[in-house]
Amino acid sequence: MPDFSLHLHLRLLLLAVLVFSLMGCSRDEPLLFAPLPSSAVVLVVGDSLVAGTGASRDDAWPEVLARSTGWDVINAGVPGDTTAGARARLSGLVSDYRPDAVIIAIGGNDFLRNVPDTETRANLEAMIRDSLAATPHVALVAIPSVSVGRAVMGRLSDHEMYGELVRGQRIVLLSAIVSEVLSRTELRADRIHANREGYALIGARVADALAGAGWHAP
């Protein structure tokens, strides 16, 4: 007689392999969003790297993004701000501007001030959650870890927290952009801020990444 128990176990095993294969494929596929209208209001929340410290306010990367996309980009960058401060400001900004999209770009001052990673992560998680409650179009800009040695050697890299925060979430991760710019002395005004050329590159890379996610046509 055929061993039905063995056949059943084999079928379940094959089904499990198929499910995990499909899950693996879905993770490899890029996130695609409905395109934003040209009149979209895009809120960028951050610190001095958003405000444009090291160059003029008109040269800040949110302004570069606005010029390349036509969006109404709200530069809500506050020099010296931390994730706690940005978290406290976010609900008011969302209420005031009712954005079609939110870009979160903060964390550097937490790292410089040795704020515990658990606190920074909790603040960013809350900002992501509140942003997703307002709009499906949410992006997170990865900020580099603090490392004087790596900065001198031109090898800054994103803090691993940012990749972990977007895992399992429908959020665009804008990675290896700020790290690249702050790793290149010719693109920096000082050790922690970009210059005009650096902000121009950040804005261009952000626009390219968002185009790849379907937020706008390149």
N, C-alpha and C. Protein backbone atom coordinates (compact mmCIF):
# COMPACT_ATOMS: atom_id res chain seq x y z
N MET A 1 0.84 -1.20 0.00
CA MET A 1 0.00 0.00 0.00
C MET A 1 0.87 1.24 0.00
N PRO A 2 0.46 2.31 -0.68
CA PRO A 2 1.26 3.52 -0.71
C PRO A 2 1.29 4.18 0.66
N ASP A 3 2.38 4.79 0.96
CA ASP A 3 2.54 5.48 2.24
C ASP A 3 1.99 6.89 2.10
N PHE A 4 0.67 7.05 2.44
CA PHE A 4 0.02 8.35 2.27
C PHE A 4 0.61 9.41 3.19
N SER A 5 1.06 8.96 4.36
CA SER A 5 1.67 9.91 5.31
C SER A 5 2.94 10.51 4.71
N LEU A 6 3.75 9.67 4.05
CA LEU A 6 4.98 10.15 3.42
C LEU A 6 4.65 11.11 2.29
N HIS A 7 3.65 10.76 1.47
CA HIS A 7 3.26 11.61 0.36
C HIS A 7 2.77 12.96 0.87
N LEU A 8 2.01 12.94 1.95
CA LEU A 8 1.49 14.19 2.52
C LEU A 8 2.62 15.07 3.00
N HIS A 9 3.60 14.47 3.67
CA HIS A 9 4.73 15.25 4.16
C HIS A 9 5.54 15.85 3.02
N LEU A 10 5.70 15.07 1.92
CA LEU A 10 6.43 15.58 0.77
C LEU A 10 5.69 16.75 0.13
N ARG A 11 4.38 16.64 0.04
CA ARG A 11 3.61 17.72 -0.56
C ARG A 11 3.68 18.99 0.30
N LEU A 12 3.62 18.81 1.60
CA LEU A 12 3.73 19.98 2.50
C LEU A 12 5.10 20.63 2.40
N LEU A 13 6.14 19.79 2.25
CA LEU A 13 7.49 20.32 2.12
C LEU A 13 7.63 21.12 0.84
N LEU A 14 7.09 20.59 -0.26
CA LEU A 14 7.17 21.29 -1.54
C LEU A 14 6.39 22.61 -1.47
N LEU A 15 5.25 22.59 -0.79
CA LEU A 15 4.46 23.81 -0.65
C LEU A 15 5.23 24.86 0.15
N ALA A 16 5.91 24.41 1.20
CA ALA A 16 6.69 25.36 2.02
C ALA A 16 7.81 25.97 1.21
N VAL A 17 8.50 25.15 0.40
CA VAL A 17 9.58 25.65 -0.44
C VAL A 17 9.06 26.69 -1.42
N LEU A 18 7.88 26.42 -2.01
CA LEU A 18 7.29 27.35 -2.96
C LEU A 18 6.94 28.68 -2.29
N VAL A 19 6.36 28.62 -1.10
CA VAL A 19 5.98 29.84 -0.38
C VAL A 19 7.20 30.68 -0.07
N PHE A 20 8.27 30.03 0.45
CA PHE A 20 9.48 30.78 0.78
C PHE A 20 10.15 31.34 -0.46
N SER A 21 10.05 30.63 -1.58
CA SER A 21 10.63 31.13 -2.83
C SER A 21 9.89 32.38 -3.29
N LEU A 22 8.57 32.34 -3.20
CA LEU A 22 7.78 33.51 -3.60
C LEU A 22 8.04 34.69 -2.69
N MET A 23 8.22 34.42 -1.39
CA MET A 23 8.53 35.50 -0.46
C MET A 23 9.87 36.13 -0.78
N GLY A 24 10.83 35.29 -1.16
CA GLY A 24 12.15 35.79 -1.53
C GLY A 24 12.08 36.65 -2.76
N CYS A 25 11.26 36.24 -3.73
CA CYS A 25 11.13 37.03 -4.96
C CYS A 25 10.51 38.38 -4.66
N SER A 26 9.49 38.40 -3.80
CA SER A 26 8.81 39.67 -3.52
C SER A 26 9.74 40.65 -2.83
N ARG A 27 10.66 40.15 -1.99
CA ARG A 27 11.58 41.05 -1.32
C ARG A 27 12.55 41.68 -2.29
N ASP A 28 12.86 40.95 -3.38
CA ASP A 28 13.82 41.46 -4.34
C ASP A 28 13.21 42.50 -5.27
N GLU A 29 11.89 42.50 -5.38
CA GLU A 29 11.24 43.43 -6.29
C GLU A 29 11.22 44.83 -5.69
N PRO A 30 11.50 45.87 -6.50
CA PRO A 30 11.48 47.23 -5.97
C PRO A 30 10.07 47.67 -5.61
N LEU A 31 9.97 48.51 -4.60
CA LEU A 31 8.67 49.08 -4.25
C LEU A 31 8.24 50.04 -5.34
N LEU A 32 6.99 49.95 -5.75
CA LEU A 32 6.46 50.86 -6.75
C LEU A 32 5.20 51.53 -6.19
N PHE A 33 5.14 52.84 -6.35
CA PHE A 33 4.05 53.64 -5.83
C PHE A 33 3.32 54.33 -6.97
N ALA A 34 2.10 54.77 -6.68
CA ALA A 34 1.38 55.60 -7.64
C ALA A 34 2.13 56.93 -7.75
N PRO A 35 2.26 57.48 -8.96
CA PRO A 35 2.99 58.75 -9.10
C PRO A 35 2.26 59.89 -8.41
N LEU A 36 3.05 60.79 -7.85
CA LEU A 36 2.50 62.00 -7.24
C LEU A 36 2.20 63.02 -8.34
N PRO A 37 1.17 63.83 -8.17
CA PRO A 37 0.91 64.89 -9.16
C PRO A 37 2.00 65.95 -9.10
N SER A 38 2.15 66.71 -10.14
CA SER A 38 3.18 67.75 -10.18
C SER A 38 2.93 68.82 -9.12
N SER A 39 1.68 68.93 -8.66
CA SER A 39 1.34 69.92 -7.64
C SER A 39 1.47 69.38 -6.22
N ALA A 40 2.04 68.18 -6.07
CA ALA A 40 2.10 67.53 -4.77
C ALA A 40 2.85 68.36 -3.74
N VAL A 41 2.38 68.28 -2.50
CA VAL A 41 3.08 68.90 -1.37
C VAL A 41 3.91 67.81 -0.70
N VAL A 42 5.22 68.01 -0.67
CA VAL A 42 6.14 67.02 -0.11
C VAL A 42 6.84 67.65 1.09
N LEU A 43 6.63 67.06 2.25
CA LEU A 43 7.21 67.57 3.50
C LEU A 43 8.53 66.85 3.79
N VAL A 44 9.59 67.61 3.98
CA VAL A 44 10.90 67.04 4.33
C VAL A 44 11.23 67.48 5.75
N VAL A 45 11.32 66.52 6.67
CA VAL A 45 11.56 66.80 8.08
C VAL A 45 12.99 66.40 8.42
N GLY A 46 13.75 67.33 8.99
CA GLY A 46 15.12 66.99 9.32
C GLY A 46 15.84 68.06 10.10
N ASP A 47 17.17 68.03 10.00
CA ASP A 47 18.01 68.94 10.76
C ASP A 47 18.78 69.86 9.82
N SER A 48 20.03 70.18 10.18
CA SER A 48 20.80 71.14 9.38
C SER A 48 21.11 70.62 7.98
N LEU A 49 21.18 69.31 7.80
CA LEU A 49 21.45 68.76 6.48
C LEU A 49 20.25 68.93 5.56
N VAL A 50 19.08 69.14 6.13
CA VAL A 50 17.89 69.46 5.34
C VAL A 50 17.80 70.97 5.16
N ALA A 51 18.11 71.71 6.21
CA ALA A 51 18.03 73.17 6.16
C ALA A 51 19.03 73.78 5.19
N GLY A 52 20.13 73.07 4.93
CA GLY A 52 21.12 73.57 3.98
C GLY A 52 22.30 74.25 4.62
N THR A 53 22.56 74.00 5.90
CA THR A 53 23.72 74.58 6.57
C THR A 53 25.00 74.21 5.82
N GLY A 54 25.84 75.21 5.56
CA GLY A 54 27.04 75.00 4.76
C GLY A 54 26.89 75.60 3.38
N ALA A 55 25.66 75.98 3.05
CA ALA A 55 25.36 76.66 1.78
C ALA A 55 24.18 77.59 2.06
N SER A 56 23.59 78.16 1.03
CA SER A 56 22.43 79.00 1.25
C SER A 56 21.17 78.14 1.32
N ARG A 57 20.12 78.70 1.89
CA ARG A 57 18.85 77.97 1.99
C ARG A 57 18.34 77.58 0.60
N ASP A 58 18.56 78.42 -0.39
CA ASP A 58 18.11 78.11 -1.75
C ASP A 58 18.86 76.94 -2.36
N ASP A 59 20.03 76.61 -1.81
CA ASP A 59 20.83 75.51 -2.32
C ASP A 59 20.61 74.21 -1.57
N ALA A 60 19.76 74.23 -0.53
CA ALA A 60 19.48 73.02 0.24
C ALA A 60 18.87 71.95 -0.67
N TRP A 61 19.09 70.68 -0.32
CA TRP A 61 18.65 69.64 -1.26
C TRP A 61 17.13 69.55 -1.43
N PRO A 62 16.29 69.91 -0.44
CA PRO A 62 14.85 69.93 -0.74
C PRO A 62 14.48 70.92 -1.84
N GLU A 63 15.20 72.06 -1.90
CA GLU A 63 14.97 73.02 -2.97
C GLU A 63 15.41 72.45 -4.31
N VAL A 64 16.51 71.70 -4.31
CA VAL A 64 16.96 71.03 -5.54
C VAL A 64 15.90 70.03 -5.99
N LEU A 65 15.35 69.28 -5.03
CA LEU A 65 14.30 68.31 -5.35
C LEU A 65 13.07 69.00 -5.92
N ALA A 66 12.70 70.14 -5.35
CA ALA A 66 11.53 70.88 -5.85
C ALA A 66 11.74 71.33 -7.29
N ARG A 67 12.94 71.84 -7.58
CA ARG A 67 13.20 72.33 -8.95
C ARG A 67 13.20 71.20 -9.97
N SER A 68 13.63 70.00 -9.56
CA SER A 68 13.71 68.90 -10.53
C SER A 68 12.38 68.18 -10.72
N THR A 69 11.46 68.30 -9.77
CA THR A 69 10.19 67.57 -9.85
C THR A 69 8.97 68.47 -10.07
N GLY A 70 9.09 69.74 -9.70
CA GLY A 70 7.94 70.63 -9.76
C GLY A 70 7.07 70.57 -8.52
N TRP A 71 7.39 69.69 -7.57
CA TRP A 71 6.61 69.58 -6.35
C TRP A 71 6.77 70.81 -5.47
N ASP A 72 5.80 71.03 -4.62
CA ASP A 72 5.89 72.05 -3.58
C ASP A 72 6.55 71.38 -2.38
N VAL A 73 7.86 71.52 -2.28
CA VAL A 73 8.61 70.83 -1.23
C VAL A 73 8.76 71.76 -0.03
N ILE A 74 8.28 71.31 1.11
CA ILE A 74 8.34 72.07 2.35
C ILE A 74 9.62 71.69 3.09
N ASN A 75 10.53 72.64 3.22
CA ASN A 75 11.79 72.38 3.91
C ASN A 75 11.59 72.64 5.40
N ALA A 76 11.39 71.54 6.15
CA ALA A 76 11.19 71.63 7.60
C ALA A 76 12.46 71.18 8.31
N GLY A 77 13.59 71.67 7.82
CA GLY A 77 14.87 71.36 8.45
C GLY A 77 15.19 72.39 9.54
N VAL A 78 15.55 71.91 10.72
CA VAL A 78 15.90 72.79 11.84
C VAL A 78 17.32 72.43 12.30
N PRO A 79 18.28 73.32 12.10
CA PRO A 79 19.65 73.03 12.53
C PRO A 79 19.71 72.65 14.01
N GLY A 80 20.46 71.60 14.30
CA GLY A 80 20.62 71.14 15.67
C GLY A 80 19.52 70.23 16.17
N ASP A 81 18.50 69.98 15.34
CA ASP A 81 17.37 69.18 15.80
C ASP A 81 17.76 67.71 15.95
N THR A 82 17.06 67.04 16.86
CA THR A 82 17.24 65.61 17.09
C THR A 82 15.98 64.88 16.67
N THR A 83 16.02 63.56 16.73
CA THR A 83 14.82 62.79 16.38
C THR A 83 13.68 63.10 17.35
N ALA A 84 14.02 63.38 18.61
CA ALA A 84 12.97 63.73 19.58
C ALA A 84 12.29 65.03 19.19
N GLY A 85 13.10 66.02 18.79
CA GLY A 85 12.53 67.30 18.38
C GLY A 85 11.70 67.17 17.12
N ALA A 86 12.20 66.42 16.15
CA ALA A 86 11.47 66.23 14.89
C ALA A 86 10.18 65.47 15.12
N ARG A 87 10.24 64.50 16.00
CA ARG A 87 9.03 63.74 16.33
C ARG A 87 7.97 64.66 16.93
N ALA A 88 8.40 65.56 17.80
CA ALA A 88 7.46 66.48 18.44
C ALA A 88 6.87 67.47 17.44
N ARG A 89 7.65 67.82 16.40
CA ARG A 89 7.18 68.80 15.41
C ARG A 89 6.29 68.19 14.34
N LEU A 90 6.42 66.88 14.12
CA LEU A 90 5.83 66.27 12.93
C LEU A 90 4.31 66.42 12.86
N SER A 91 3.61 66.16 13.95
CA SER A 91 2.15 66.20 13.88
C SER A 91 1.65 67.60 13.50
N GLY A 92 2.30 68.64 14.03
CA GLY A 92 1.91 70.00 13.68
C GLY A 92 2.19 70.31 12.22
N LEU A 93 3.31 69.82 11.71
CA LEU A 93 3.66 70.04 10.31
C LEU A 93 2.67 69.34 9.38
N VAL A 94 2.31 68.12 9.74
CA VAL A 94 1.34 67.38 8.92
C VAL A 94 -0.02 68.08 8.95
N SER A 95 -0.39 68.57 10.11
CA SER A 95 -1.67 69.29 10.24
C SER A 95 -1.66 70.58 9.44
N ASP A 96 -0.54 71.29 9.45
CA ASP A 96 -0.46 72.58 8.76
C ASP A 96 -0.41 72.43 7.25
N TYR A 97 0.37 71.45 6.76
CA TYR A 97 0.63 71.36 5.32
C TYR A 97 -0.16 70.26 4.61
N ARG A 98 -0.69 69.30 5.35
CA ARG A 98 -1.42 68.17 4.76
C ARG A 98 -0.67 67.61 3.54
N PRO A 99 0.53 67.11 3.77
CA PRO A 99 1.39 66.70 2.65
C PRO A 99 0.89 65.45 1.91
N ASP A 100 1.23 65.40 0.64
CA ASP A 100 0.98 64.19 -0.16
C ASP A 100 2.08 63.17 0.04
N ALA A 101 3.21 63.61 0.57
CA ALA A 101 4.34 62.71 0.82
C ALA A 101 5.19 63.29 1.95
N VAL A 102 5.86 62.40 2.68
CA VAL A 102 6.74 62.81 3.77
C VAL A 102 8.10 62.14 3.60
N ILE A 103 9.16 62.95 3.70
CA ILE A 103 10.52 62.42 3.68
C ILE A 103 11.15 62.73 5.03
N ILE A 104 11.61 61.70 5.73
CA ILE A 104 12.23 61.83 7.04
C ILE A 104 13.74 61.73 6.87
N ALA A 105 14.46 62.75 7.34
CA ALA A 105 15.92 62.77 7.15
C ALA A 105 16.57 63.33 8.40
N ILE A 106 16.70 62.50 9.42
CA ILE A 106 17.23 62.99 10.69
C ILE A 106 17.88 61.86 11.47
N GLY A 107 18.75 62.24 12.40
CA GLY A 107 19.43 61.25 13.23
C GLY A 107 20.87 61.60 13.54
N GLY A 108 21.46 62.46 12.71
CA GLY A 108 22.87 62.79 12.88
C GLY A 108 23.20 63.42 14.22
N ASN A 109 22.35 64.31 14.70
CA ASN A 109 22.63 64.95 15.98
C ASN A 109 22.46 63.98 17.15
N ASP A 110 21.56 63.01 17.00
CA ASP A 110 21.46 61.95 18.01
C ASP A 110 22.79 61.21 18.12
N PHE A 111 23.37 60.88 16.97
CA PHE A 111 24.63 60.13 16.98
C PHE A 111 25.77 60.97 17.56
N LEU A 112 25.81 62.24 17.19
CA LEU A 112 26.87 63.12 17.69
C LEU A 112 26.76 63.34 19.20
N ARG A 113 25.54 63.30 19.72
CA ARG A 113 25.33 63.55 21.16
C ARG A 113 25.24 62.26 21.96
N ASN A 114 25.50 61.14 21.30
CA ASN A 114 25.47 59.83 21.97
C ASN A 114 24.12 59.51 22.60
N VAL A 115 23.05 59.93 21.93
CA VAL A 115 21.71 59.52 22.34
C VAL A 115 21.63 58.00 22.16
N PRO A 116 21.10 57.27 23.12
CA PRO A 116 21.00 55.81 22.97
C PRO A 116 20.27 55.42 21.68
N ASP A 117 20.80 54.42 21.00
CA ASP A 117 20.17 53.98 19.75
C ASP A 117 18.71 53.57 19.96
N THR A 118 18.41 53.01 21.11
CA THR A 118 17.03 52.59 21.37
C THR A 118 16.08 53.79 21.35
N GLU A 119 16.55 54.92 21.86
CA GLU A 119 15.72 56.13 21.87
C GLU A 119 15.56 56.70 20.46
N THR A 120 16.67 56.74 19.72
CA THR A 120 16.61 57.24 18.34
C THR A 120 15.70 56.36 17.50
N ARG A 121 15.83 55.06 17.64
CA ARG A 121 15.00 54.13 16.88
C ARG A 121 13.52 54.32 17.22
N ALA A 122 13.20 54.47 18.49
CA ALA A 122 11.80 54.64 18.90
C ALA A 122 11.22 55.92 18.30
N ASN A 123 12.01 56.98 18.29
CA ASN A 123 11.53 58.24 17.70
C ASN A 123 11.28 58.10 16.21
N LEU A 124 12.21 57.46 15.51
CA LEU A 124 12.05 57.27 14.06
C LEU A 124 10.88 56.35 13.76
N GLU A 125 10.70 55.31 14.55
CA GLU A 125 9.56 54.42 14.35
C GLU A 125 8.24 55.18 14.51
N ALA A 126 8.18 56.06 15.50
CA ALA A 126 6.97 56.85 15.71
C ALA A 126 6.74 57.80 14.54
N MET A 127 7.81 58.42 14.02
CA MET A 127 7.67 59.32 12.89
C MET A 127 7.21 58.58 11.64
N ILE A 128 7.74 57.39 11.44
CA ILE A 128 7.31 56.58 10.29
C ILE A 128 5.84 56.22 10.43
N ARG A 129 5.46 55.79 11.61
CA ARG A 129 4.06 55.40 11.86
C ARG A 129 3.11 56.59 11.64
N ASP A 130 3.47 57.75 12.16
CA ASP A 130 2.61 58.93 12.01
C ASP A 130 2.56 59.39 10.55
N SER A 131 3.68 59.27 9.85
CA SER A 131 3.71 59.67 8.44
C SER A 131 2.84 58.75 7.59
N LEU A 132 2.93 57.45 7.85
CA LEU A 132 2.12 56.49 7.09
C LEU A 132 0.63 56.66 7.37
N ALA A 133 0.31 57.18 8.55
CA ALA A 133 -1.10 57.46 8.85
C ALA A 133 -1.63 58.62 8.03
N ALA A 134 -0.70 59.48 7.56
CA ALA A 134 -1.10 60.66 6.79
C ALA A 134 -1.05 60.43 5.29
N THR A 135 -0.14 59.57 4.82
CA THR A 135 0.05 59.34 3.39
C THR A 135 0.78 58.03 3.15
N PRO A 136 0.49 57.34 2.03
CA PRO A 136 1.25 56.12 1.72
C PRO A 136 2.64 56.42 1.16
N HIS A 137 2.90 57.65 0.80
CA HIS A 137 4.18 58.03 0.21
C HIS A 137 5.12 58.52 1.31
N VAL A 138 5.94 57.62 1.82
CA VAL A 138 6.88 57.95 2.90
C VAL A 138 8.26 57.44 2.51
N ALA A 139 9.26 58.27 2.73
CA ALA A 139 10.65 57.88 2.45
C ALA A 139 11.51 58.21 3.66
N LEU A 140 12.56 57.42 3.85
CA LEU A 140 13.48 57.60 4.96
C LEU A 140 14.89 57.75 4.41
N VAL A 141 15.53 58.86 4.72
CA VAL A 141 16.91 59.10 4.29
C VAL A 141 17.85 58.50 5.32
N ALA A 142 18.72 57.60 4.89
CA ALA A 142 19.69 56.99 5.80
C ALA A 142 20.80 57.99 6.13
N ILE A 143 21.14 58.06 7.41
CA ILE A 143 22.18 58.97 7.90
C ILE A 143 23.39 58.13 8.32
N PRO A 144 24.60 58.61 8.05
CA PRO A 144 25.78 57.80 8.40
C PRO A 144 26.05 57.72 9.89
N SER A 145 26.68 56.63 10.27
CA SER A 145 27.17 56.48 11.64
C SER A 145 28.28 57.48 11.89
N VAL A 146 28.48 57.84 13.15
CA VAL A 146 29.57 58.75 13.51
C VAL A 146 30.88 57.97 13.55
N SER A 147 31.83 58.42 12.75
CA SER A 147 33.15 57.79 12.73
C SER A 147 34.15 58.77 12.15
N VAL A 148 34.96 59.38 13.03
CA VAL A 148 35.96 60.33 12.56
C VAL A 148 36.94 59.65 11.62
N GLY A 149 37.36 58.45 11.99
CA GLY A 149 38.32 57.72 11.15
C GLY A 149 37.80 57.44 9.77
N ARG A 150 36.55 56.99 9.69
CA ARG A 150 35.95 56.72 8.39
C ARG A 150 35.75 57.99 7.59
N ALA A 151 35.41 59.09 8.26
CA ALA A 151 35.24 60.36 7.56
C ALA A 151 36.56 60.81 6.94
N VAL A 152 37.63 60.67 7.70
CA VAL A 152 38.95 61.06 7.20
C VAL A 152 39.34 60.21 6.00
N MET A 153 39.01 58.92 6.07
CA MET A 153 39.36 58.00 4.99
C MET A 153 38.37 58.04 3.84
N GLY A 154 37.29 58.81 3.98
CA GLY A 154 36.29 58.89 2.92
C GLY A 154 35.49 57.62 2.76
N ARG A 155 35.13 57.00 3.90
CA ARG A 155 34.41 55.73 3.84
C ARG A 155 33.23 55.69 4.80
N LEU A 156 32.51 56.78 4.92
CA LEU A 156 31.33 56.78 5.78
C LEU A 156 30.29 55.80 5.24
N SER A 157 29.52 55.22 6.14
CA SER A 157 28.46 54.31 5.73
C SER A 157 27.21 54.56 6.56
N ASP A 158 26.06 54.20 6.00
CA ASP A 158 24.79 54.42 6.68
C ASP A 158 24.74 53.67 8.00
N HIS A 159 24.11 54.27 8.99
CA HIS A 159 23.85 53.56 10.23
C HIS A 159 22.90 52.41 9.91
N GLU A 160 23.20 51.24 10.45
CA GLU A 160 22.41 50.04 10.13
C GLU A 160 20.95 50.16 10.56
N MET A 161 20.67 51.07 11.49
CA MET A 161 19.31 51.26 11.99
C MET A 161 18.32 51.56 10.87
N TYR A 162 18.75 52.32 9.86
CA TYR A 162 17.81 52.77 8.84
C TYR A 162 17.32 51.61 7.97
N GLY A 163 18.21 50.71 7.62
CA GLY A 163 17.80 49.54 6.87
C GLY A 163 16.86 48.65 7.67
N GLU A 164 17.10 48.58 8.97
CA GLU A 164 16.25 47.77 9.83
C GLU A 164 14.86 48.40 9.99
N LEU A 165 14.80 49.72 10.02
CA LEU A 165 13.53 50.40 10.22
C LEU A 165 12.54 50.20 9.07
N VAL A 166 13.05 50.06 7.87
CA VAL A 166 12.14 49.93 6.72
C VAL A 166 11.80 48.47 6.42
N ARG A 167 12.47 47.55 7.09
CA ARG A 167 12.23 46.14 6.82
C ARG A 167 10.77 45.78 7.12
N GLY A 168 10.10 45.21 6.13
CA GLY A 168 8.71 44.83 6.29
C GLY A 168 7.72 45.98 6.17
N GLN A 169 8.23 47.17 5.85
CA GLN A 169 7.36 48.34 5.71
C GLN A 169 7.39 48.82 4.26
N ARG A 170 6.29 49.42 3.86
CA ARG A 170 6.21 49.96 2.50
C ARG A 170 6.72 51.40 2.50
N ILE A 171 8.04 51.51 2.62
CA ILE A 171 8.70 52.80 2.73
C ILE A 171 9.91 52.80 1.79
N VAL A 172 10.17 53.93 1.16
CA VAL A 172 11.36 54.05 0.31
C VAL A 172 12.55 54.39 1.20
N LEU A 173 13.60 53.57 1.13
CA LEU A 173 14.84 53.86 1.84
C LEU A 173 15.80 54.57 0.89
N LEU A 174 16.17 55.78 1.23
CA LEU A 174 17.11 56.56 0.42
C LEU A 174 18.49 56.36 1.03
N SER A 175 19.18 55.34 0.56
CA SER A 175 20.42 54.90 1.19
C SER A 175 21.66 55.34 0.42
N ALA A 176 22.78 55.38 1.16
CA ALA A 176 24.10 55.65 0.59
C ALA A 176 24.17 56.95 -0.20
N ILE A 177 23.36 57.92 0.19
CA ILE A 177 23.36 59.23 -0.47
C ILE A 177 24.10 60.24 0.39
N VAL A 178 23.61 60.47 1.60
CA VAL A 178 24.30 61.38 2.52
C VAL A 178 25.69 60.85 2.86
N SER A 179 25.80 59.55 3.05
CA SER A 179 27.10 58.95 3.37
C SER A 179 28.13 59.23 2.28
N GLU A 180 27.70 59.09 1.02
CA GLU A 180 28.63 59.32 -0.08
C GLU A 180 29.10 60.78 -0.11
N VAL A 181 28.16 61.70 0.04
CA VAL A 181 28.51 63.12 -0.04
C VAL A 181 29.44 63.52 1.09
N LEU A 182 29.13 63.10 2.32
CA LEU A 182 29.96 63.49 3.45
C LEU A 182 31.28 62.73 3.51
N SER A 183 31.44 61.74 2.64
CA SER A 183 32.72 61.03 2.54
C SER A 183 33.69 61.74 1.60
N ARG A 184 33.20 62.73 0.85
CA ARG A 184 34.02 63.39 -0.16
C ARG A 184 34.31 64.84 0.25
N THR A 185 35.55 65.13 0.49
CA THR A 185 35.93 66.45 1.00
C THR A 185 35.51 67.58 0.06
N GLU A 186 35.50 67.34 -1.24
CA GLU A 186 35.15 68.40 -2.18
C GLU A 186 33.65 68.72 -2.16
N LEU A 187 32.87 67.88 -1.50
CA LEU A 187 31.42 68.09 -1.42
C LEU A 187 30.96 68.54 -0.03
N ARG A 188 31.94 68.81 0.86
CA ARG A 188 31.62 69.18 2.23
C ARG A 188 32.00 70.62 2.52
N ALA A 189 31.15 71.30 3.33
CA ALA A 189 31.50 72.62 3.85
C ALA A 189 32.32 72.47 5.12
N ASP A 190 32.03 71.41 5.88
CA ASP A 190 32.79 71.05 7.07
C ASP A 190 32.60 69.55 7.28
N ARG A 191 32.98 69.05 8.44
CA ARG A 191 32.97 67.60 8.64
C ARG A 191 31.58 66.99 8.59
N ILE A 192 30.55 67.77 8.93
CA ILE A 192 29.20 67.18 9.04
C ILE A 192 28.17 67.85 8.13
N HIS A 193 28.61 68.81 7.29
CA HIS A 193 27.66 69.48 6.40
C HIS A 193 28.17 69.49 4.96
N ALA A 194 27.22 69.43 4.05
CA ALA A 194 27.57 69.50 2.63
C ALA A 194 27.75 70.96 2.21
N ASN A 195 28.37 71.16 1.06
CA ASN A 195 28.42 72.49 0.45
C ASN A 195 27.40 72.53 -0.69
N ARG A 196 27.43 73.58 -1.46
CA ARG A 196 26.44 73.75 -2.53
C ARG A 196 26.44 72.55 -3.48
N GLU A 197 27.63 72.13 -3.88
CA GLU A 197 27.73 71.00 -4.81
C GLU A 197 27.25 69.70 -4.15
N GLY A 198 27.54 69.57 -2.86
CA GLY A 198 27.10 68.38 -2.15
C GLY A 198 25.59 68.29 -2.04
N TYR A 199 24.96 69.41 -1.72
CA TYR A 199 23.50 69.41 -1.64
C TYR A 199 22.86 69.17 -3.01
N ALA A 200 23.50 69.69 -4.05
CA ALA A 200 22.98 69.45 -5.40
C ALA A 200 23.00 67.96 -5.72
N LEU A 201 24.07 67.27 -5.29
CA LEU A 201 24.16 65.84 -5.55
C LEU A 201 23.13 65.08 -4.71
N ILE A 202 22.97 65.47 -3.44
CA ILE A 202 21.95 64.80 -2.62
C ILE A 202 20.57 64.95 -3.26
N GLY A 203 20.23 66.17 -3.67
CA GLY A 203 18.93 66.40 -4.28
C GLY A 203 18.72 65.58 -5.54
N ALA A 204 19.77 65.49 -6.36
CA ALA A 204 19.67 64.71 -7.60
C ALA A 204 19.50 63.22 -7.31
N ARG A 205 20.26 62.73 -6.33
CA ARG A 205 20.17 61.30 -6.00
C ARG A 205 18.81 60.96 -5.37
N VAL A 206 18.31 61.85 -4.54
CA VAL A 206 16.98 61.63 -3.96
C VAL A 206 15.93 61.61 -5.06
N ALA A 207 16.00 62.55 -5.98
CA ALA A 207 15.04 62.59 -7.09
C ALA A 207 15.11 61.31 -7.92
N ASP A 208 16.31 60.84 -8.19
CA ASP A 208 16.47 59.60 -8.98
C ASP A 208 15.87 58.41 -8.25
N ALA A 209 16.15 58.31 -6.94
CA ALA A 209 15.64 57.18 -6.17
C ALA A 209 14.11 57.20 -6.10
N LEU A 210 13.53 58.38 -5.94
CA LEU A 210 12.07 58.47 -5.88
C LEU A 210 11.43 58.20 -7.23
N ALA A 211 12.14 58.57 -8.30
CA ALA A 211 11.65 58.23 -9.64
C ALA A 211 11.66 56.71 -9.81
N GLY A 212 12.69 56.06 -9.30
CA GLY A 212 12.76 54.60 -9.38
C GLY A 212 11.65 53.92 -8.62
N ALA A 213 11.14 54.60 -7.57
CA ALA A 213 10.04 54.04 -6.79
C ALA A 213 8.68 54.43 -7.36
N GLY A 214 8.68 55.20 -8.45
CA GLY A 214 7.43 55.56 -9.11
C GLY A 214 6.79 56.84 -8.62
N TRP A 215 7.47 57.59 -7.71
CA TRP A 215 6.86 58.81 -7.20
C TRP A 215 6.73 59.87 -8.30
N HIS A 216 7.64 59.85 -9.26
CA HIS A 216 7.54 60.81 -10.36
C HIS A 216 8.30 60.25 -11.56
N ALA A 217 8.07 60.84 -12.73
CA ALA A 217 8.78 60.43 -13.93
C ALA A 217 10.14 61.10 -13.95
N PRO A 218 11.21 60.35 -14.28
CA PRO A 218 12.56 60.97 -14.30
C PRO A 218 12.69 62.00 -15.41
